[in-house]
Each structure stands twice: as C-alpha cells, then as structure tokens.
Amino acid sequence: MDKRYRHIILMAALVFITSLLAQDLEAQCAMCKAAAESNLQGGGTDGLGLNNGILYMLATPYLLIAGIIFMYWRNRRRDRVEEAN
C-alpha cells in the first residue's frame, strides 16, 4: 500500500474515532451560564441564542483555516497539472 494512502486512511480513522468520542458541549463562563439559566427559568429563550452565538464564534476560525487549506490544495493541484503538460 502506498505511503500516501496509508496516511489518508490513518487520518480518516482518527477523525472517525474522534467524532465518536465527541460530546455535546455548551461553552459559557460561569456568569453567562447563571444569566442564561435564570432567563430560561423565567420562560425566556435568550440562553439558547447565547449558546448558538458562542458556537458560531467557535466555528468561524476553523472554517477560515479550512478554506485557506482548500485554496492551497486546489492551486497546488493546478500547478501539478500544468507541469505535466
């Protein structure tokens, strides 16, 4: 088996195993959690919006890095095709 394919299979297995171990997380500091819980107990929905906003801010850097890696990969692939011609 080619070393490159072995590396791809290893990374895919690592991502799969990590996704199985993932747990639902709610990222809040103690003050925000107390405010959100008191709002939810009072019948409000501000706590849900706060959680979604925190998760949105958490995902943004990862999406940016993934986009940069994709553009690098695409340009590198294009350069290889041009070199072959």
PDB file of N, CA and C in Angstrom:
ATOM      1  N   MET A   1       0.857  -1.178   0.000  1.00  0.00           N
ATOM      2  CA  MET A   1       0.000   0.000   0.000  1.00  0.00           C
ATOM      3  C   MET A   1       0.900   1.236   0.000  1.00  0.00           C
ATOM      4  N   ASP A   2       0.536   2.187  -0.816  1.00  0.00           N
ATOM      5  CA  ASP A   2       1.304   3.422  -0.933  1.00  0.00           C
ATOM      6  C   ASP A   2       1.278   4.197   0.382  1.00  0.00           C
ATOM      7  N   LYS A   3       2.388   4.846   0.697  1.00  0.00           N
ATOM      8  CA  LYS A   3       2.504   5.580   1.966  1.00  0.00           C
ATOM      9  C   LYS A   3       1.461   6.691   2.054  1.00  0.00           C
ATOM     10  N   ARG A   4       1.166   7.339   0.933  1.00  0.00           N
ATOM     11  CA  ARG A   4       0.188   8.422   0.922  1.00  0.00           C
ATOM     12  C   ARG A   4      -1.206   7.904   1.272  1.00  0.00           C
ATOM     13  N   TYR A   5      -1.601   6.772   0.707  1.00  0.00           N
ATOM     14  CA  TYR A   5      -2.918   6.207   1.002  1.00  0.00           C
ATOM     15  C   TYR A   5      -3.001   5.738   2.454  1.00  0.00           C
ATOM     16  N   ARG A   6      -1.912   5.211   2.964  1.00  0.00           N
ATOM     17  CA  ARG A   6      -1.880   4.790   4.357  1.00  0.00           C
ATOM     18  C   ARG A   6      -2.093   5.999   5.281  1.00  0.00           C
ATOM     19  N   HIS A   7      -1.490   7.114   4.920  1.00  0.00           N
ATOM     20  CA  HIS A   7      -1.648   8.345   5.704  1.00  0.00           C
ATOM     21  C   HIS A   7      -3.100   8.833   5.652  1.00  0.00           C
ATOM     22  N   ILE A   8      -3.718   8.780   4.496  1.00  0.00           N
ATOM     23  CA  ILE A   8      -5.114   9.218   4.346  1.00  0.00           C
ATOM     24  C   ILE A   8      -6.044   8.326   5.164  1.00  0.00           C
ATOM     25  N   ILE A   9      -5.821   7.017   5.112  1.00  0.00           N
ATOM     26  CA  ILE A   9      -6.654   6.086   5.870  1.00  0.00           C
ATOM     27  C   ILE A   9      -6.480   6.313   7.367  1.00  0.00           C
ATOM     28  N   LEU A  10      -5.251   6.554   7.809  1.00  0.00           N
ATOM     29  CA  LEU A  10      -4.991   6.822   9.217  1.00  0.00           C
ATOM     30  C   LEU A  10      -5.699   8.091   9.672  1.00  0.00           C
ATOM     31  N   MET A  11      -5.635   9.150   8.884  1.00  0.00           N
ATOM     32  CA  MET A  11      -6.288  10.404   9.253  1.00  0.00           C
ATOM     33  C   MET A  11      -7.815  10.238   9.276  1.00  0.00           C
ATOM     34  N   ALA A  12      -8.374   9.522   8.305  1.00  0.00           N
ATOM     35  CA  ALA A  12      -9.816   9.293   8.278  1.00  0.00           C
ATOM     36  C   ALA A  12     -10.259   8.498   9.499  1.00  0.00           C
ATOM     37  N   ALA A  13      -9.474   7.497   9.884  1.00  0.00           N
ATOM     38  CA  ALA A  13      -9.809   6.702  11.069  1.00  0.00           C
ATOM     39  C   ALA A  13      -9.736   7.561  12.323  1.00  0.00           C
ATOM     40  N   LEU A  14      -8.737   8.437  12.401  1.00  0.00           N
ATOM     41  CA  LEU A  14      -8.601   9.316  13.550  1.00  0.00           C
ATOM     42  C   LEU A  14      -9.792  10.271  13.661  1.00  0.00           C
ATOM     43  N   VAL A  15     -10.219  10.840  12.546  1.00  0.00           N
ATOM     44  CA  VAL A  15     -11.382  11.738  12.553  1.00  0.00           C
ATOM     45  C   VAL A  15     -12.637  10.974  12.953  1.00  0.00           C
ATOM     46  N   PHE A  16     -12.799   9.761  12.447  1.00  0.00           N
ATOM     47  CA  PHE A  16     -13.976   8.958  12.774  1.00  0.00           C
ATOM     48  C   PHE A  16     -14.021   8.624  14.259  1.00  0.00           C
ATOM     49  N   ILE A  17     -12.896   8.188  14.810  1.00  0.00           N
ATOM     50  CA  ILE A  17     -12.849   7.835  16.231  1.00  0.00           C
ATOM     51  C   ILE A  17     -13.094   9.065  17.098  1.00  0.00           C
ATOM     52  N   THR A  18     -12.509  10.197  16.708  1.00  0.00           N
ATOM     53  CA  THR A  18     -12.710  11.432  17.464  1.00  0.00           C
ATOM     54  C   THR A  18     -14.171  11.856  17.433  1.00  0.00           C
ATOM     55  N   SER A  19     -14.833  11.694  16.297  1.00  0.00           N
ATOM     56  CA  SER A  19     -16.240  12.081  16.220  1.00  0.00           C
ATOM     57  C   SER A  19     -17.120  11.170  17.076  1.00  0.00           C
ATOM     58  N   LEU A  20     -16.714   9.922  17.261  1.00  0.00           N
ATOM     59  CA  LEU A  20     -17.478   9.031  18.132  1.00  0.00           C
ATOM     60  C   LEU A  20     -17.344   9.418  19.596  1.00  0.00           C
ATOM     61  N   LEU A  21     -16.213   9.993  19.962  1.00  0.00           N
ATOM     62  CA  LEU A  21     -15.962  10.356  21.346  1.00  0.00           C
ATOM     63  C   LEU A  21     -16.461  11.754  21.697  1.00  0.00           C
ATOM     64  N   ALA A  22     -16.903  12.503  20.702  1.00  0.00           N
ATOM     65  CA  ALA A  22     -17.325  13.882  20.942  1.00  0.00           C
ATOM     66  C   ALA A  22     -18.598  13.924  21.788  1.00  0.00           C
ATOM     67  N   GLN A  23     -18.683  14.936  22.611  1.00  0.00           N
ATOM     68  CA  GLN A  23     -19.849  15.129  23.454  1.00  0.00           C
ATOM     69  C   GLN A  23     -20.457  16.490  23.138  1.00  0.00           C
ATOM     70  N   ASP A  24     -21.733  16.636  23.425  1.00  0.00           N
ATOM     71  CA  ASP A  24     -22.360  17.945  23.263  1.00  0.00           C
ATOM     72  C   ASP A  24     -21.809  18.879  24.323  1.00  0.00           C
ATOM     73  N   LEU A  25     -21.346  20.026  23.885  1.00  0.00           N
ATOM     74  CA  LEU A  25     -20.758  20.985  24.813  1.00  0.00           C
ATOM     75  C   LEU A  25     -21.520  22.290  24.756  1.00  0.00           C
ATOM     76  N   GLU A  26     -21.590  22.944  25.867  1.00  0.00           N
ATOM     77  CA  GLU A  26     -22.139  24.281  25.937  1.00  0.00           C
ATOM     78  C   GLU A  26     -21.058  25.158  26.528  1.00  0.00           C
ATOM     79  N   ALA A  27     -20.521  26.040  25.697  1.00  0.00           N
ATOM     80  CA  ALA A  27     -19.365  26.840  26.107  1.00  0.00           C
ATOM     81  C   ALA A  27     -19.836  28.166  26.689  1.00  0.00           C
ATOM     82  N   GLN A  28     -19.835  28.270  27.996  1.00  0.00           N
ATOM     83  CA  GLN A  28     -20.222  29.513  28.666  1.00  0.00           C
ATOM     84  C   GLN A  28     -19.372  29.696  29.914  1.00  0.00           C
ATOM     85  N   CYS A  29     -19.103  30.946  30.235  1.00  0.00           N
ATOM     86  CA  CYS A  29     -18.450  31.220  31.504  1.00  0.00           C
ATOM     87  C   CYS A  29     -19.507  31.101  32.613  1.00  0.00           C
ATOM     88  N   ALA A  30     -19.071  31.154  33.845  1.00  0.00           N
ATOM     89  CA  ALA A  30     -19.986  30.969  34.976  1.00  0.00           C
ATOM     90  C   ALA A  30     -21.042  32.075  35.032  1.00  0.00           C
ATOM     91  N   MET A  31     -20.648  33.307  34.761  1.00  0.00           N
ATOM     92  CA  MET A  31     -21.596  34.428  34.814  1.00  0.00           C
ATOM     93  C   MET A  31     -22.637  34.316  33.699  1.00  0.00           C
ATOM     94  N   CYS A  32     -22.176  33.986  32.506  1.00  0.00           N
ATOM     95  CA  CYS A  32     -23.115  33.852  31.385  1.00  0.00           C
ATOM     96  C   CYS A  32     -24.067  32.687  31.617  1.00  0.00           C
ATOM     97  N   LYS A  33     -23.532  31.593  32.166  1.00  0.00           N
ATOM     98  CA  LYS A  33     -24.375  30.432  32.436  1.00  0.00           C
ATOM     99  C   LYS A  33     -25.457  30.774  33.450  1.00  0.00           C
ATOM    100  N   ALA A  34     -25.109  31.488  34.503  1.00  0.00           N
ATOM    101  CA  ALA A  34     -26.090  31.861  35.522  1.00  0.00           C
ATOM    102  C   ALA A  34     -27.165  32.771  34.927  1.00  0.00           C
ATOM    103  N   ALA A  35     -26.761  33.728  34.106  1.00  0.00           N
ATOM    104  CA  ALA A  35     -27.733  34.634  33.482  1.00  0.00           C
ATOM    105  C   ALA A  35     -28.644  33.882  32.524  1.00  0.00           C
ATOM    106  N   ALA A  36     -28.066  32.968  31.740  1.00  0.00           N
ATOM    107  CA  ALA A  36     -28.872  32.208  30.784  1.00  0.00           C
ATOM    108  C   ALA A  36     -29.843  31.282  31.506  1.00  0.00           C
ATOM    109  N   GLU A  37     -29.390  30.624  32.568  1.00  0.00           N
ATOM    110  CA  GLU A  37     -30.273  29.714  33.307  1.00  0.00           C
ATOM    111  C   GLU A  37     -31.423  30.469  33.959  1.00  0.00           C
ATOM    112  N   SER A  38     -31.146  31.632  34.526  1.00  0.00           N
ATOM    113  CA  SER A  38     -32.230  32.387  35.154  1.00  0.00           C
ATOM    114  C   SER A  38     -33.224  32.880  34.106  1.00  0.00           C
ATOM    115  N   ASN A  39     -32.715  33.217  32.915  1.00  0.00           N
ATOM    116  CA  ASN A  39     -33.606  33.643  31.835  1.00  0.00           C
ATOM    117  C   ASN A  39     -34.468  32.483  31.361  1.00  0.00           C
ATOM    118  N   LEU A  40     -33.883  31.299  31.223  1.00  0.00           N
ATOM    119  CA  LEU A  40     -34.643  30.133  30.769  1.00  0.00           C
ATOM    120  C   LEU A  40     -35.691  29.726  31.807  1.00  0.00           C
ATOM    121  N   GLN A  41     -35.358  29.838  33.084  1.00  0.00           N
ATOM    122  CA  GLN A  41     -36.327  29.501  34.134  1.00  0.00           C
ATOM    123  C   GLN A  41     -37.486  30.486  34.146  1.00  0.00           C
ATOM    124  N   GLY A  42     -37.230  31.701  33.728  1.00  0.00           N
ATOM    125  CA  GLY A  42     -38.280  32.708  33.663  1.00  0.00           C
ATOM    126  C   GLY A  42     -39.110  32.629  32.389  1.00  0.00           C
ATOM    127  N   GLY A  43     -38.825  31.655  31.527  1.00  0.00           N
ATOM    128  CA  GLY A  43     -39.610  31.478  30.305  1.00  0.00           C
ATOM    129  C   GLY A  43     -38.990  32.135  29.081  1.00  0.00           C
ATOM    130  N   GLY A  44     -37.824  32.717  29.208  1.00  0.00           N
ATOM    131  CA  GLY A  44     -37.168  33.361  28.073  1.00  0.00           C
ATOM    132  C   GLY A  44     -36.395  32.370  27.213  1.00  0.00           C
ATOM    133  N   THR A  45     -35.915  32.843  26.074  1.00  0.00           N
ATOM    134  CA  THR A  45     -35.127  31.999  25.170  1.00  0.00           C
ATOM    135  C   THR A  45     -33.762  32.615  24.873  1.00  0.00           C
ATOM    136  N   ASP A  46     -33.335  33.584  25.649  1.00  0.00           N
ATOM    137  CA  ASP A  46     -32.056  34.245  25.407  1.00  0.00           C
ATOM    138  C   ASP A  46     -30.880  33.293  25.602  1.00  0.00           C
ATOM    139  N   GLY A  47     -31.001  32.353  26.501  1.00  0.00           N
ATOM    140  CA  GLY A  47     -29.911  31.401  26.755  1.00  0.00           C
ATOM    141  C   GLY A  47     -29.594  30.545  25.549  1.00  0.00           C
ATOM    142  N   LEU A  48     -30.620  30.149  24.802  1.00  0.00           N
ATOM    143  CA  LEU A  48     -30.402  29.346  23.601  1.00  0.00           C
ATOM    144  C   LEU A  48     -29.659  30.148  22.549  1.00  0.00           C
ATOM    145  N   GLY A  49     -30.015  31.399  22.392  1.00  0.00           N
ATOM    146  CA  GLY A  49     -29.326  32.264  21.445  1.00  0.00           C
ATOM    147  C   GLY A  49     -27.877  32.502  21.848  1.00  0.00           C
ATOM    148  N   LEU A  50     -27.640  32.610  23.141  1.00  0.00           N
ATOM    149  CA  LEU A  50     -26.281  32.804  23.642  1.00  0.00           C
ATOM    150  C   LEU A  50     -25.418  31.592  23.308  1.00  0.00           C
ATOM    151  N   ASN A  51     -25.937  30.401  23.530  1.00  0.00           N
ATOM    152  CA  ASN A  51     -25.182  29.183  23.186  1.00  0.00           C
ATOM    153  C   ASN A  51     -24.888  29.118  21.696  1.00  0.00           C
ATOM    154  N   ASN A  52     -25.882  29.410  20.874  1.00  0.00           N
ATOM    155  CA  ASN A  52     -25.671  29.370  19.427  1.00  0.00           C
ATOM    156  C   ASN A  52     -24.631  30.398  18.991  1.00  0.00           C
ATOM    157  N   GLY A  53     -24.653  31.578  19.587  1.00  0.00           N
ATOM    158  CA  GLY A  53     -23.671  32.600  19.248  1.00  0.00           C
ATOM    159  C   GLY A  53     -22.262  32.184  19.617  1.00  0.00           C
ATOM    160  N   ILE A  54     -22.106  31.557  20.767  1.00  0.00           N
ATOM    161  CA  ILE A  54     -20.782  31.097  21.188  1.00  0.00           C
ATOM    162  C   ILE A  54     -20.273  30.013  20.253  1.00  0.00           C
ATOM    163  N   LEU A  55     -21.133  29.085  19.885  1.00  0.00           N
ATOM    164  CA  LEU A  55     -20.714  28.024  18.972  1.00  0.00           C
ATOM    165  C   LEU A  55     -20.395  28.580  17.588  1.00  0.00           C
ATOM    166  N   TYR A  56     -21.120  29.592  17.140  1.00  0.00           N
ATOM    167  CA  TYR A  56     -20.841  30.242  15.859  1.00  0.00           C
ATOM    168  C   TYR A  56     -19.453  30.882  15.884  1.00  0.00           C
ATOM    169  N   MET A  57     -19.142  31.591  16.967  1.00  0.00           N
ATOM    170  CA  MET A  57     -17.823  32.219  17.072  1.00  0.00           C
ATOM    171  C   MET A  57     -16.718  31.176  17.166  1.00  0.00           C
ATOM    172  N   LEU A  58     -17.002  30.032  17.745  1.00  0.00           N
ATOM    173  CA  LEU A  58     -16.022  28.968  17.847  1.00  0.00           C
ATOM    174  C   LEU A  58     -15.743  28.347  16.474  1.00  0.00           C
ATOM    175  N   ALA A  59     -16.748  28.213  15.631  1.00  0.00           N
ATOM    176  CA  ALA A  59     -16.595  27.549  14.341  1.00  0.00           C
ATOM    177  C   ALA A  59     -15.929  28.434  13.285  1.00  0.00           C
ATOM    178  N   THR A  60     -16.037  29.740  13.405  1.00  0.00           N
ATOM    179  CA  THR A  60     -15.532  30.643  12.377  1.00  0.00           C
ATOM    180  C   THR A  60     -14.045  30.465  12.080  1.00  0.00           C
ATOM    181  N   PRO A  61     -13.146  30.435  13.058  1.00  0.00           N
ATOM    182  CA  PRO A  61     -11.732  30.259  12.717  1.00  0.00           C
ATOM    183  C   PRO A  61     -11.438  28.928  12.016  1.00  0.00           C
ATOM    184  N   TYR A  62     -12.132  27.877  12.418  1.00  0.00           N
ATOM    185  CA  TYR A  62     -11.908  26.586  11.782  1.00  0.00           C
ATOM    186  C   TYR A  62     -12.356  26.613  10.320  1.00  0.00           C
ATOM    187  N   LEU A  63     -13.458  27.271  10.036  1.00  0.00           N
ATOM    188  CA  LEU A  63     -13.915  27.378   8.653  1.00  0.00           C
ATOM    189  C   LEU A  63     -12.956  28.214   7.808  1.00  0.00           C
ATOM    190  N   LEU A  64     -12.414  29.273   8.378  1.00  0.00           N
ATOM    191  CA  LEU A  64     -11.431  30.087   7.657  1.00  0.00           C
ATOM    192  C   LEU A  64     -10.174  29.291   7.333  1.00  0.00           C
ATOM    193  N   ILE A  65      -9.677  28.548   8.303  1.00  0.00           N
ATOM    194  CA  ILE A  65      -8.480  27.742   8.071  1.00  0.00           C
ATOM    195  C   ILE A  65      -8.762  26.657   7.037  1.00  0.00           C
ATOM    196  N   ALA A  66      -9.931  26.033   7.105  1.00  0.00           N
ATOM    197  CA  ALA A  66     -10.294  25.010   6.119  1.00  0.00           C
ATOM    198  C   ALA A  66     -10.361  25.615   4.715  1.00  0.00           C
ATOM    199  N   GLY A  67     -10.880  26.831   4.585  1.00  0.00           N
ATOM    200  CA  GLY A  67     -10.934  27.496   3.291  1.00  0.00           C
ATOM    201  C   GLY A  67      -9.549  27.793   2.742  1.00  0.00           C
ATOM    202  N   ILE A  68      -8.640  28.233   3.595  1.00  0.00           N
ATOM    203  CA  ILE A  68      -7.271  28.519   3.162  1.00  0.00           C
ATOM    204  C   ILE A  68      -6.575  27.234   2.716  1.00  0.00           C
ATOM    205  N   ILE A  69      -6.757  26.167   3.468  1.00  0.00           N
ATOM    206  CA  ILE A  69      -6.156  24.881   3.093  1.00  0.00           C
ATOM    207  C   ILE A  69      -6.726  24.392   1.773  1.00  0.00           C
ATOM    208  N   PHE A  70      -8.031  24.544   1.569  1.00  0.00           N
ATOM    209  CA  PHE A  70      -8.647  24.126   0.300  1.00  0.00           C
ATOM    210  C   PHE A  70      -8.087  24.911  -0.871  1.00  0.00           C
ATOM    211  N   MET A  71      -7.946  26.226  -0.721  1.00  0.00           N
ATOM    212  CA  MET A  71      -7.393  27.036  -1.816  1.00  0.00           C
ATOM    213  C   MET A  71      -5.951  26.630  -2.112  1.00  0.00           C
ATOM    214  N   TYR A  72      -5.160  26.355  -1.074  1.00  0.00           N
ATOM    215  CA  TYR A  72      -3.780  25.908  -1.271  1.00  0.00           C
ATOM    216  C   TYR A  72      -3.758  24.589  -2.030  1.00  0.00           C
ATOM    217  N   TRP A  73      -4.613  23.650  -1.611  1.00  0.00           N
ATOM    218  CA  TRP A  73      -4.665  22.339  -2.248  1.00  0.00           C
ATOM    219  C   TRP A  73      -5.066  22.460  -3.721  1.00  0.00           C
ATOM    220  N   ARG A  74      -6.081  23.297  -3.996  1.00  0.00           N
ATOM    221  CA  ARG A  74      -6.548  23.473  -5.369  1.00  0.00           C
ATOM    222  C   ARG A  74      -5.468  24.084  -6.251  1.00  0.00           C
ATOM    223  N   ASN A  75      -4.774  25.106  -5.751  1.00  0.00           N
ATOM    224  CA  ASN A  75      -3.712  25.736  -6.530  1.00  0.00           C
ATOM    225  C   ASN A  75      -2.527  24.793  -6.733  1.00  0.00           C
ATOM    226  N   ARG A  76      -2.209  24.004  -5.732  1.00  0.00           N
ATOM    227  CA  ARG A  76      -1.113  23.045  -5.864  1.00  0.00           C
ATOM    228  C   ARG A  76      -1.452  21.983  -6.897  1.00  0.00           C
ATOM    229  N   ARG A  77      -2.705  21.531  -6.890  1.00  0.00           N
ATOM    230  CA  ARG A  77      -3.145  20.539  -7.872  1.00  0.00           C
ATOM    231  C   ARG A  77      -3.100  21.110  -9.278  1.00  0.00           C
ATOM    232  N   ARG A  78      -3.520  22.363  -9.427  1.00  0.00           N
ATOM    233  CA  ARG A  78      -3.492  23.022 -10.735  1.00  0.00           C
ATOM    234  C   ARG A  78      -2.053  23.157 -11.231  1.00  0.00           C
ATOM    235  N   ASP A  79      -1.120  23.503 -10.350  1.00  0.00           N
ATOM    236  CA  ASP A  79       0.281  23.617 -10.736  1.00  0.00           C
ATOM    237  C   ASP A  79       0.851  22.290 -11.193  1.00  0.00           C
ATOM    238  N   ARG A  80       0.471  21.214 -10.535  1.00  0.00           N
ATOM    239  CA  ARG A  80       0.945  19.891 -10.945  1.00  0.00           C
ATOM    240  C   ARG A  80       0.436  19.516 -12.334  1.00  0.00           C
ATOM    241  N   VAL A  81      -0.810  19.865 -12.635  1.00  0.00           N
ATOM    242  CA  VAL A  81      -1.373  19.569 -13.950  1.00  0.00           C
ATOM    243  C   VAL A  81      -0.644  20.382 -15.008  1.00  0.00           C
ATOM    244  N   GLU A  82      -0.354  21.645 -14.715  1.00  0.00           N
ATOM    245  CA  GLU A  82       0.367  22.484 -15.681  1.00  0.00           C
ATOM    246  C   GLU A  82       1.783  21.978 -15.911  1.00  0.00           C
ATOM    247  N   GLU A  83       2.453  21.476 -14.872  1.00  0.00           N
ATOM    248  CA  GLU A  83       3.794  20.946 -15.012  1.00  0.00           C
ATOM    249  C   GLU A  83       3.798  19.672 -15.848  1.00  0.00           C
ATOM    250  N   ALA A  84       2.732  18.887 -15.749  1.00  0.00           N
ATOM    251  CA  ALA A  84       2.659  17.642 -16.501  1.00  0.00           C
ATOM    252  C   ALA A  84       2.467  17.895 -17.983  1.00  0.00           C
ATOM    253  N   ASN A  85       1.859  19.037 -18.339  1.00  0.00           N
ATOM    254  CA  ASN A  85       1.621  19.348 -19.760  1.00  0.00           C
ATOM    255  C   ASN A  85       2.792  20.001 -20.344  1.00  0.00           C
TER     256      ASN A  85
END
